[in-house]
Amino acid sequence: MPIAHRAFARASFLTFAATALVAVSTAASAANLGFLNNTPITYMKQRDLQALNDAAQIALNTKQDGESLAWDNKGAGNPVPVNGTVTPQDTFESDGLKCRKVTIVAQAKGQTQTWTPVACKGSDGKWKLKKQ
Protein backbone atom coordinates (compact mmCIF):
# COMPACT_ATOMS: atom_id res chain seq x y z
CA MET A 1 0.00 0.00 0.00
CA PRO A 2 1.52 3.43 -0.90
CA ILE A 3 2.63 5.60 2.00
CA ALA A 4 0.01 8.24 1.18
CA HIS A 5 -2.81 5.69 1.49
CA ARG A 6 -1.30 4.28 4.68
CA ALA A 7 -1.13 7.80 6.15
CA PHE A 8 -4.77 8.44 5.24
CA ALA A 9 -5.87 5.19 6.88
CA ARG A 10 -3.95 6.07 10.05
CA ALA A 11 -5.47 9.56 10.10
CA SER A 12 -8.91 8.02 10.67
CA PHE A 13 -7.65 6.33 13.84
CA LEU A 14 -8.48 9.11 16.30
CA THR A 15 -6.52 8.09 19.37
CA PHE A 16 -3.59 9.75 21.04
CA ALA A 17 -0.77 7.63 19.62
CA ALA A 18 -2.26 7.31 16.16
CA THR A 19 -2.57 11.06 15.91
CA ALA A 20 1.04 11.55 16.96
CA LEU A 21 2.39 8.98 14.56
CA VAL A 22 0.18 9.97 11.65
CA ALA A 23 1.39 13.56 11.94
CA VAL A 24 4.93 12.34 11.35
CA SER A 25 3.94 9.95 8.56
CA THR A 26 1.69 12.48 6.79
CA ALA A 27 4.34 15.19 6.95
CA ALA A 28 6.92 12.81 5.53
CA SER A 29 4.63 11.74 2.73
CA ALA A 30 3.64 15.30 1.87
CA ALA A 31 7.27 16.40 1.82
CA ASN A 32 8.29 13.30 -0.17
CA LEU A 33 10.83 12.33 2.48
CA GLY A 34 11.75 8.89 1.24
CA PHE A 35 14.30 8.47 4.01
CA LEU A 36 11.40 7.56 6.32
CA ASN A 37 10.75 4.40 4.31
CA ASN A 38 11.42 1.24 6.32
CA THR A 39 11.21 3.07 9.65
CA PRO A 40 9.04 1.79 12.52
CA ILE A 41 6.02 3.88 11.49
CA THR A 42 5.89 2.15 8.11
CA TYR A 43 5.59 -1.27 9.78
CA MET A 44 2.86 -0.32 12.23
CA LYS A 45 -0.73 -1.39 11.64
CA GLN A 46 -3.86 -0.14 13.41
CA ARG A 47 -3.61 -2.77 16.17
CA ASP A 48 0.04 -1.78 16.78
CA LEU A 49 -1.04 1.85 17.10
CA GLN A 50 -3.75 0.81 19.55
CA ALA A 51 -1.14 -1.01 21.67
CA LEU A 52 1.01 2.13 21.65
CA ASN A 53 -1.99 4.31 22.49
CA ASP A 54 -2.93 2.04 25.40
CA ALA A 55 0.65 2.22 26.71
CA ALA A 56 0.69 6.02 26.32
CA GLN A 57 -2.57 6.39 28.26
CA ILE A 58 -1.23 4.16 31.07
CA ALA A 59 2.14 5.95 31.19
CA LEU A 60 0.57 9.41 31.22
CA ASN A 61 -1.81 8.39 34.01
CA THR A 62 0.62 6.45 36.22
CA LYS A 63 4.26 7.37 35.58
CA GLN A 64 6.20 10.22 37.12
CA ASP A 65 8.12 12.66 34.93
CA GLY A 66 11.13 10.80 33.50
CA GLU A 67 9.78 7.33 34.33
CA SER A 68 9.36 5.07 31.26
CA LEU A 69 6.82 2.40 30.40
CA ALA A 70 7.87 -0.29 27.91
CA TRP A 71 5.41 -1.32 25.19
CA ASP A 72 5.36 -3.82 22.32
CA ASN A 73 3.02 -5.13 19.66
CA LYS A 74 2.89 -8.74 20.86
CA GLY A 75 -0.58 -10.12 20.22
CA ALA A 76 -1.38 -7.45 17.61
CA GLY A 77 -1.04 -9.88 14.73
CA ASN A 78 1.82 -8.04 13.03
CA PRO A 79 4.66 -10.31 11.85
CA VAL A 80 7.09 -7.40 12.37
CA PRO A 81 7.98 -6.98 16.06
CA VAL A 82 7.67 -3.35 17.13
CA ASN A 83 8.52 -2.15 20.65
CA GLY A 84 9.65 0.91 22.52
CA THR A 85 8.97 3.16 25.47
CA VAL A 86 6.64 5.95 26.52
CA THR A 87 8.18 8.48 28.91
CA PRO A 88 6.10 11.35 30.31
CA GLN A 89 8.08 14.52 31.05
CA ASP A 90 7.56 18.13 32.04
CA THR A 91 4.08 18.12 33.59
CA PHE A 92 2.42 21.56 33.42
CA GLU A 93 -0.97 23.25 33.21
CA SER A 94 -2.32 24.87 30.05
CA ASP A 95 -5.77 26.42 29.61
CA GLY A 96 -6.85 24.76 32.86
CA LEU A 97 -5.80 21.27 31.68
CA LYS A 98 -3.05 19.00 32.99
CA CYS A 99 -0.52 18.61 30.18
CA ARG A 100 2.67 16.61 29.75
CA LYS A 101 5.42 16.47 27.22
CA VAL A 102 5.87 12.80 26.34
CA THR A 103 8.71 11.00 24.56
CA ILE A 104 7.53 8.08 22.45
CA VAL A 105 10.14 5.68 21.08
CA ALA A 106 9.40 2.95 18.53
CA GLN A 107 11.88 0.33 17.32
CA ALA A 108 11.48 -2.12 14.43
CA LYS A 109 13.91 -3.96 12.16
CA GLY A 110 16.93 -2.23 13.65
CA GLN A 111 15.50 1.27 13.20
CA THR A 112 14.44 3.67 15.96
CA GLN A 113 12.07 6.63 15.78
CA THR A 114 11.39 9.14 18.53
CA TRP A 115 8.52 11.63 18.83
CA THR A 116 8.05 14.23 21.56
CA PRO A 117 4.52 15.65 21.42
CA VAL A 118 2.58 17.39 24.20
CA ALA A 119 -0.61 15.75 25.49
CA CYS A 120 -3.31 17.22 27.69
CA LYS A 121 -5.88 15.36 29.77
CA GLY A 122 -9.41 16.18 28.67
CA SER A 123 -12.53 16.33 30.82
CA ASP A 124 -13.32 12.80 29.58
CA GLY A 125 -10.13 11.53 31.28
CA LYS A 126 -8.37 10.74 27.98
CA TRP A 127 -5.05 12.21 27.00
CA LYS A 128 -5.07 13.98 23.63
CA LEU A 129 -2.39 15.77 21.65
CA LYS A 130 -2.20 19.50 22.19
CA LYS A 131 -2.35 21.42 18.95
CA GLN A 132 0.72 23.59 18.60
C-alpha atoms as a PDB file:
ATOM      1  CA  MET A   1       0.000   0.000   0.000  1.00  0.00           C
ATOM      2  CA  PRO A   2       1.515   3.427  -0.903  1.00  0.00           C
ATOM      3  CA  ILE A   3       2.629   5.595   2.002  1.00  0.00           C
ATOM      4  CA  ALA A   4       0.007   8.238   1.182  1.00  0.00           C
ATOM      5  CA  HIS A   5      -2.811   5.686   1.490  1.00  0.00           C
ATOM      6  CA  ARG A   6      -1.305   4.279   4.684  1.00  0.00           C
ATOM      7  CA  ALA A   7      -1.129   7.796   6.150  1.00  0.00           C
ATOM      8  CA  PHE A   8      -4.773   8.445   5.240  1.00  0.00           C
ATOM      9  CA  ALA A   9      -5.875   5.187   6.883  1.00  0.00           C
ATOM     10  CA  ARG A  10      -3.955   6.069  10.053  1.00  0.00           C
ATOM     11  CA  ALA A  11      -5.473   9.558  10.098  1.00  0.00           C
ATOM     12  CA  SER A  12      -8.907   8.025  10.669  1.00  0.00           C
ATOM     13  CA  PHE A  13      -7.649   6.331  13.840  1.00  0.00           C
ATOM     14  CA  LEU A  14      -8.481   9.108  16.305  1.00  0.00           C
ATOM     15  CA  THR A  15      -6.524   8.095  19.370  1.00  0.00           C
ATOM     16  CA  PHE A  16      -3.586   9.754  21.039  1.00  0.00           C
ATOM     17  CA  ALA A  17      -0.774   7.635  19.616  1.00  0.00           C
ATOM     18  CA  ALA A  18      -2.257   7.312  16.158  1.00  0.00           C
ATOM     19  CA  THR A  19      -2.575  11.061  15.911  1.00  0.00           C
ATOM     20  CA  ALA A  20       1.039  11.552  16.963  1.00  0.00           C
ATOM     21  CA  LEU A  21       2.387   8.978  14.564  1.00  0.00           C
ATOM     22  CA  VAL A  22       0.178   9.967  11.654  1.00  0.00           C
ATOM     23  CA  ALA A  23       1.389  13.561  11.937  1.00  0.00           C
ATOM     24  CA  VAL A  24       4.928  12.336  11.348  1.00  0.00           C
ATOM     25  CA  SER A  25       3.938   9.949   8.562  1.00  0.00           C
ATOM     26  CA  THR A  26       1.694  12.477   6.788  1.00  0.00           C
ATOM     27  CA  ALA A  27       4.340  15.189   6.945  1.00  0.00           C
ATOM     28  CA  ALA A  28       6.922  12.812   5.528  1.00  0.00           C
ATOM     29  CA  SER A  29       4.627  11.745   2.734  1.00  0.00           C
ATOM     30  CA  ALA A  30       3.638  15.304   1.870  1.00  0.00           C
ATOM     31  CA  ALA A  31       7.269  16.400   1.819  1.00  0.00           C
ATOM     32  CA  ASN A  32       8.293  13.296  -0.170  1.00  0.00           C
ATOM     33  CA  LEU A  33      10.829  12.330   2.475  1.00  0.00           C
ATOM     34  CA  GLY A  34      11.751   8.886   1.239  1.00  0.00           C
ATOM     35  CA  PHE A  35      14.301   8.466   4.007  1.00  0.00           C
ATOM     36  CA  LEU A  36      11.398   7.562   6.325  1.00  0.00           C
ATOM     37  CA  ASN A  37      10.746   4.403   4.307  1.00  0.00           C
ATOM     38  CA  ASN A  38      11.423   1.245   6.320  1.00  0.00           C
ATOM     39  CA  THR A  39      11.214   3.066   9.645  1.00  0.00           C
ATOM     40  CA  PRO A  40       9.044   1.787  12.515  1.00  0.00           C
ATOM     41  CA  ILE A  41       6.016   3.876  11.494  1.00  0.00           C
ATOM     42  CA  THR A  42       5.895   2.145   8.110  1.00  0.00           C
ATOM     43  CA  TYR A  43       5.594  -1.271   9.776  1.00  0.00           C
ATOM     44  CA  MET A  44       2.862  -0.316  12.228  1.00  0.00           C
ATOM     45  CA  LYS A  45      -0.730  -1.392  11.639  1.00  0.00           C
ATOM     46  CA  GLN A  46      -3.861  -0.145  13.408  1.00  0.00           C
ATOM     47  CA  ARG A  47      -3.610  -2.770  16.173  1.00  0.00           C
ATOM     48  CA  ASP A  48       0.037  -1.778  16.779  1.00  0.00           C
ATOM     49  CA  LEU A  49      -1.036   1.846  17.097  1.00  0.00           C
ATOM     50  CA  GLN A  50      -3.746   0.809  19.551  1.00  0.00           C
ATOM     51  CA  ALA A  51      -1.137  -1.005  21.671  1.00  0.00           C
ATOM     52  CA  LEU A  52       1.008   2.125  21.647  1.00  0.00           C
ATOM     53  CA  ASN A  53      -1.994   4.310  22.490  1.00  0.00           C
ATOM     54  CA  ASP A  54      -2.926   2.037  25.399  1.00  0.00           C
ATOM     55  CA  ALA A  55       0.652   2.223  26.707  1.00  0.00           C
ATOM     56  CA  ALA A  56       0.687   6.021  26.320  1.00  0.00           C
ATOM     57  CA  GLN A  57      -2.571   6.394  28.262  1.00  0.00           C
ATOM     58  CA  ILE A  58      -1.230   4.165  31.074  1.00  0.00           C
ATOM     59  CA  ALA A  59       2.136   5.953  31.193  1.00  0.00           C
ATOM     60  CA  LEU A  60       0.569   9.412  31.219  1.00  0.00           C
ATOM     61  CA  ASN A  61      -1.810   8.386  34.015  1.00  0.00           C
ATOM     62  CA  THR A  62       0.617   6.449  36.218  1.00  0.00           C
ATOM     63  CA  LYS A  63       4.259   7.367  35.578  1.00  0.00           C
ATOM     64  CA  GLN A  64       6.204  10.218  37.124  1.00  0.00           C
ATOM     65  CA  ASP A  65       8.124  12.656  34.930  1.00  0.00           C
ATOM     66  CA  GLY A  66      11.134  10.803  33.502  1.00  0.00           C
ATOM     67  CA  GLU A  67       9.777   7.328  34.329  1.00  0.00           C
ATOM     68  CA  SER A  68       9.358   5.067  31.264  1.00  0.00           C
ATOM     69  CA  LEU A  69       6.824   2.397  30.397  1.00  0.00           C
ATOM     70  CA  ALA A  70       7.872  -0.292  27.908  1.00  0.00           C
ATOM     71  CA  TRP A  71       5.409  -1.322  25.195  1.00  0.00           C
ATOM     72  CA  ASP A  72       5.362  -3.816  22.324  1.00  0.00           C
ATOM     73  CA  ASN A  73       3.020  -5.127  19.661  1.00  0.00           C
ATOM     74  CA  LYS A  74       2.886  -8.744  20.864  1.00  0.00           C
ATOM     75  CA  GLY A  75      -0.584 -10.121  20.217  1.00  0.00           C
ATOM     76  CA  ALA A  76      -1.376  -7.446  17.613  1.00  0.00           C
ATOM     77  CA  GLY A  77      -1.041  -9.884  14.727  1.00  0.00           C
ATOM     78  CA  ASN A  78       1.818  -8.040  13.033  1.00  0.00           C
ATOM     79  CA  PRO A  79       4.657 -10.311  11.851  1.00  0.00           C
ATOM     80  CA  VAL A  80       7.086  -7.395  12.375  1.00  0.00           C
ATOM     81  CA  PRO A  81       7.983  -6.978  16.055  1.00  0.00           C
ATOM     82  CA  VAL A  82       7.672  -3.348  17.132  1.00  0.00           C
ATOM     83  CA  ASN A  83       8.521  -2.150  20.648  1.00  0.00           C
ATOM     84  CA  GLY A  84       9.647   0.907  22.521  1.00  0.00           C
ATOM     85  CA  THR A  85       8.968   3.164  25.466  1.00  0.00           C
ATOM     86  CA  VAL A  86       6.635   5.948  26.519  1.00  0.00           C
ATOM     87  CA  THR A  87       8.178   8.483  28.907  1.00  0.00           C
ATOM     88  CA  PRO A  88       6.100  11.352  30.314  1.00  0.00           C
ATOM     89  CA  GLN A  89       8.081  14.518  31.052  1.00  0.00           C
ATOM     90  CA  ASP A  90       7.558  18.127  32.039  1.00  0.00           C
ATOM     91  CA  THR A  91       4.079  18.123  33.587  1.00  0.00           C
ATOM     92  CA  PHE A  92       2.421  21.556  33.425  1.00  0.00           C
ATOM     93  CA  GLU A  93      -0.968  23.252  33.215  1.00  0.00           C
ATOM     94  CA  SER A  94      -2.323  24.873  30.047  1.00  0.00           C
ATOM     95  CA  ASP A  95      -5.774  26.419  29.614  1.00  0.00           C
ATOM     96  CA  GLY A  96      -6.847  24.755  32.859  1.00  0.00           C
ATOM     97  CA  LEU A  97      -5.798  21.273  31.684  1.00  0.00           C
ATOM     98  CA  LYS A  98      -3.048  19.003  32.988  1.00  0.00           C
ATOM     99  CA  CYS A  99      -0.515  18.609  30.180  1.00  0.00           C
ATOM    100  CA  ARG A 100       2.672  16.612  29.747  1.00  0.00           C
ATOM    101  CA  LYS A 101       5.420  16.469  27.215  1.00  0.00           C
ATOM    102  CA  VAL A 102       5.871  12.800  26.336  1.00  0.00           C
ATOM    103  CA  THR A 103       8.710  11.002  24.558  1.00  0.00           C
ATOM    104  CA  ILE A 104       7.529   8.080  22.445  1.00  0.00           C
ATOM    105  CA  VAL A 105      10.135   5.677  21.079  1.00  0.00           C
ATOM    106  CA  ALA A 106       9.400   2.952  18.529  1.00  0.00           C
ATOM    107  CA  GLN A 107      11.875   0.326  17.319  1.00  0.00           C
ATOM    108  CA  ALA A 108      11.479  -2.124  14.428  1.00  0.00           C
ATOM    109  CA  LYS A 109      13.909  -3.963  12.156  1.00  0.00           C
ATOM    110  CA  GLY A 110      16.934  -2.232  13.652  1.00  0.00           C
ATOM    111  CA  GLN A 111      15.501   1.273  13.197  1.00  0.00           C
ATOM    112  CA  THR A 112      14.437   3.669  15.957  1.00  0.00           C
ATOM    113  CA  GLN A 113      12.069   6.633  15.778  1.00  0.00           C
ATOM    114  CA  THR A 114      11.390   9.143  18.533  1.00  0.00           C
ATOM    115  CA  TRP A 115       8.522  11.628  18.829  1.00  0.00           C
ATOM    116  CA  THR A 116       8.047  14.227  21.559  1.00  0.00           C
ATOM    117  CA  PRO A 117       4.515  15.645  21.423  1.00  0.00           C
ATOM    118  CA  VAL A 118       2.580  17.389  24.200  1.00  0.00           C
ATOM    119  CA  ALA A 119      -0.608  15.749  25.486  1.00  0.00           C
ATOM    120  CA  CYS A 120      -3.305  17.223  27.693  1.00  0.00           C
ATOM    121  CA  LYS A 121      -5.880  15.360  29.765  1.00  0.00           C
ATOM    122  CA  GLY A 122      -9.408  16.183  28.669  1.00  0.00           C
ATOM    123  CA  SER A 123     -12.526  16.332  30.821  1.00  0.00           C
ATOM    124  CA  ASP A 124     -13.319  12.801  29.585  1.00  0.00           C
ATOM    125  CA  GLY A 125     -10.132  11.529  31.275  1.00  0.00           C
ATOM    126  CA  LYS A 126      -8.375  10.740  27.977  1.00  0.00           C
ATOM    127  CA  TRP A 127      -5.053  12.211  26.996  1.00  0.00           C
ATOM    128  CA  LYS A 128      -5.070  13.979  23.628  1.00  0.00           C
ATOM    129  CA  LEU A 129      -2.394  15.773  21.645  1.00  0.00           C
ATOM    130  CA  LYS A 130      -2.202  19.504  22.194  1.00  0.00           C
ATOM    131  CA  LYS A 131      -2.351  21.421  18.946  1.00  0.00           C
ATOM    132  CA  GLN A 132       0.724  23.588  18.601  1.00  0.00           C
END
